[in-house]
Amino acid sequence: MPYVLELSTDIGYVALTAVSSLVLTNWMTYWVGGYRSLAKVPYPAAYASNESAQTDPKLYAFNCAQRAHSNTVDAYPGFLLSLALGGLQFPKVAAGLGMAWIVARVMYANGYANGKPGDNGAGRRIGTWGSYPFLALQCLAAYTAFSMLQLKF
């Protein structure tokens, strides 16, 4: 039995959210580069040593910014997949959840990078609420995937 997919024009909200997430990842790339320059960490080093970062606030901030960026990039494929699948049936809800995740990632990154040596990256907690919209997106994606199977219960 074929599955017919009819897209609402509201899918444009999902597309705009996906494009906004590209802006986020591009911003983070340049943002980390700024921290790299301030800390004078040469390429290709991904991080400053932990020992030096614990005594130099600029190195610590660079490491935290780099970690926030890496964490975002790690989650990014799952975010896009969840946004796309969830957005097929629930475009406005998925777009709203996606934008909330983007805002939370900015808060997370800025909070993380503004910490002090020895605080264990405590500033990142300001944006950890972004896990909730991400989880909700994953649930929408799973619901959409199961509904595509057209299972009768």
Protein backbone atom coordinates (compact mmCIF):
# COMPACT_ATOMS: atom_id res chain seq x y z
CA MET A 1 0.00 0.00 0.00
CA PRO A 2 1.55 3.33 -1.03
CA TYR A 3 2.02 6.11 1.45
CA VAL A 4 0.86 9.44 0.08
CA LEU A 5 2.50 12.48 1.61
CA GLU A 6 0.79 15.80 1.21
CA LEU A 7 2.74 18.75 2.56
CA SER A 8 1.09 21.77 4.07
CA THR A 9 2.41 25.18 3.10
CA ASP A 10 3.27 25.43 6.81
CA ILE A 11 6.29 23.23 6.03
CA GLY A 12 7.94 26.55 5.19
CA TYR A 13 8.20 27.19 8.95
CA VAL A 14 10.22 24.01 9.26
CA ALA A 15 12.47 25.06 6.39
CA LEU A 16 13.06 28.48 7.98
CA THR A 17 13.91 26.80 11.27
CA ALA A 18 16.41 24.53 9.51
CA VAL A 19 18.00 27.56 7.84
CA SER A 20 18.11 29.33 11.21
CA SER A 21 19.95 26.35 12.64
CA LEU A 22 22.56 26.75 9.89
CA VAL A 23 23.00 30.35 11.01
CA LEU A 24 23.50 29.03 14.56
CA THR A 25 26.23 26.59 13.56
CA ASN A 26 27.97 29.17 11.37
CA TRP A 27 27.84 31.74 14.16
CA MET A 28 29.30 29.22 16.59
CA THR A 29 32.19 28.50 14.24
CA TYR A 30 33.22 32.16 14.11
CA TRP A 31 32.43 32.66 17.79
CA VAL A 32 34.83 29.86 18.77
CA GLY A 33 37.41 31.37 16.40
CA GLY A 34 37.22 34.60 18.37
CA TYR A 35 37.91 32.76 21.59
CA ARG A 36 40.77 30.91 19.88
CA SER A 37 42.35 34.22 18.84
CA LEU A 38 42.01 35.74 22.32
CA ALA A 39 43.52 32.65 23.93
CA LYS A 40 46.24 32.37 21.25
CA VAL A 41 45.60 28.67 20.73
CA PRO A 42 47.26 27.71 17.44
CA TYR A 43 45.71 25.48 14.83
CA PRO A 44 45.34 22.47 14.62
CA ALA A 45 45.00 22.14 18.41
CA ALA A 46 41.34 21.45 19.20
CA TYR A 47 41.71 22.42 22.88
CA ALA A 48 44.20 23.98 25.26
CA SER A 49 45.64 21.56 27.80
CA ASN A 50 43.53 21.13 30.90
CA GLU A 51 46.44 22.15 33.14
CA SER A 52 46.94 25.48 31.37
CA ALA A 53 43.20 26.14 31.09
CA GLN A 54 42.78 25.81 34.87
CA THR A 55 45.17 28.72 35.43
CA ASP A 56 44.39 30.95 32.40
CA PRO A 57 40.80 32.26 32.09
CA LYS A 58 41.21 32.90 28.33
CA LEU A 59 42.26 29.32 27.69
CA TYR A 60 39.45 28.06 29.90
CA ALA A 61 36.90 30.19 28.01
CA PHE A 62 38.23 28.89 24.69
CA ASN A 63 37.94 25.28 25.84
CA CYS A 64 34.38 25.88 27.06
CA ALA A 65 33.38 27.62 23.82
CA GLN A 66 34.93 24.81 21.79
CA ARG A 67 33.10 22.20 23.90
CA ALA A 68 29.76 24.01 23.50
CA HIS A 69 30.28 24.08 19.74
CA SER A 70 31.26 20.39 19.64
CA ASN A 71 28.26 19.43 21.74
CA THR A 72 25.97 21.32 19.36
CA VAL A 73 27.53 19.70 16.30
CA ASP A 74 27.14 16.28 17.96
CA ALA A 75 23.40 16.87 18.41
CA TYR A 76 22.87 18.56 15.05
CA PRO A 77 22.11 15.54 12.82
CA GLY A 78 19.51 14.25 15.29
CA PHE A 79 18.03 17.73 15.56
CA LEU A 80 17.65 18.10 11.79
CA LEU A 81 16.19 14.60 11.39
CA SER A 82 13.72 15.15 14.23
CA LEU A 83 12.78 18.58 12.89
CA ALA A 84 12.21 17.23 9.38
CA LEU A 85 10.23 14.14 10.37
CA GLY A 86 8.22 15.85 13.09
CA GLY A 87 7.59 18.77 10.75
CA LEU A 88 5.90 16.54 8.18
CA GLN A 89 2.81 16.15 10.39
CA PHE A 90 3.25 19.00 12.86
CA PRO A 91 5.06 21.78 11.00
CA LYS A 92 4.26 24.72 13.29
CA VAL A 93 4.85 22.77 16.49
CA ALA A 94 8.12 21.35 15.15
CA ALA A 95 9.27 24.77 13.99
CA GLY A 96 8.48 26.30 17.39
CA LEU A 97 10.31 23.54 19.21
CA GLY A 98 13.23 23.87 16.81
CA MET A 99 13.49 27.62 17.38
CA ALA A 100 13.37 27.04 21.13
CA TRP A 101 16.28 24.59 20.78
CA ILE A 102 18.25 27.17 18.78
CA VAL A 103 17.71 29.87 21.42
CA ALA A 104 18.70 27.41 24.15
CA ARG A 105 21.90 26.52 22.27
CA VAL A 106 22.91 30.19 22.16
CA MET A 107 22.22 30.51 25.89
CA TYR A 108 24.08 27.27 26.58
CA ALA A 109 27.13 28.33 24.58
CA ASN A 110 27.37 31.81 26.04
CA GLY A 111 26.82 30.55 29.56
CA TYR A 112 29.43 27.83 29.13
CA ALA A 113 32.08 30.17 27.71
CA ASN A 114 31.55 32.78 30.42
CA GLY A 115 32.47 30.42 33.23
CA LYS A 116 35.57 30.57 35.38
CA PRO A 117 38.30 27.98 35.83
CA GLY A 118 37.25 25.43 38.41
CA ASP A 119 33.48 25.93 38.00
CA ASN A 120 33.14 22.80 35.85
CA GLY A 121 31.37 24.74 33.10
CA ALA A 122 28.49 25.67 35.39
CA GLY A 123 27.38 28.51 33.10
CA ARG A 124 26.17 26.00 30.54
CA ARG A 125 23.23 25.13 32.78
CA ILE A 126 21.39 28.27 31.69
CA GLY A 127 20.70 26.63 28.33
CA THR A 128 20.18 23.03 29.32
CA TRP A 129 16.41 23.55 29.17
CA GLY A 130 16.91 23.08 25.41
CA SER A 131 16.92 19.35 26.03
CA TYR A 132 13.14 19.49 26.50
CA PRO A 133 12.20 20.89 23.09
CA PHE A 134 14.74 18.52 21.52
CA LEU A 135 13.12 15.56 23.28
CA ALA A 136 9.69 16.75 22.18
CA LEU A 137 10.95 16.97 18.58
CA GLN A 138 12.20 13.40 18.86
CA CYS A 139 8.78 12.30 20.07
CA LEU A 140 7.08 14.06 17.14
CA ALA A 141 9.51 12.36 14.76
CA ALA A 142 8.83 8.94 16.27
CA TYR A 143 5.07 9.53 16.13
CA THR A 144 5.35 10.53 12.47
CA ALA A 145 7.50 7.52 11.64
CA PHE A 146 5.06 5.10 13.30
CA SER A 147 2.08 6.74 11.62
CA MET A 148 3.80 6.26 8.25
CA LEU A 149 3.71 2.53 8.85
CA GLN A 150 -0.09 2.80 9.00
CA LEU A 151 -0.27 0.20 11.71
CA LYS A 152 -3.71 -0.69 12.97
CA PHE A 153 -3.93 -1.26 16.72
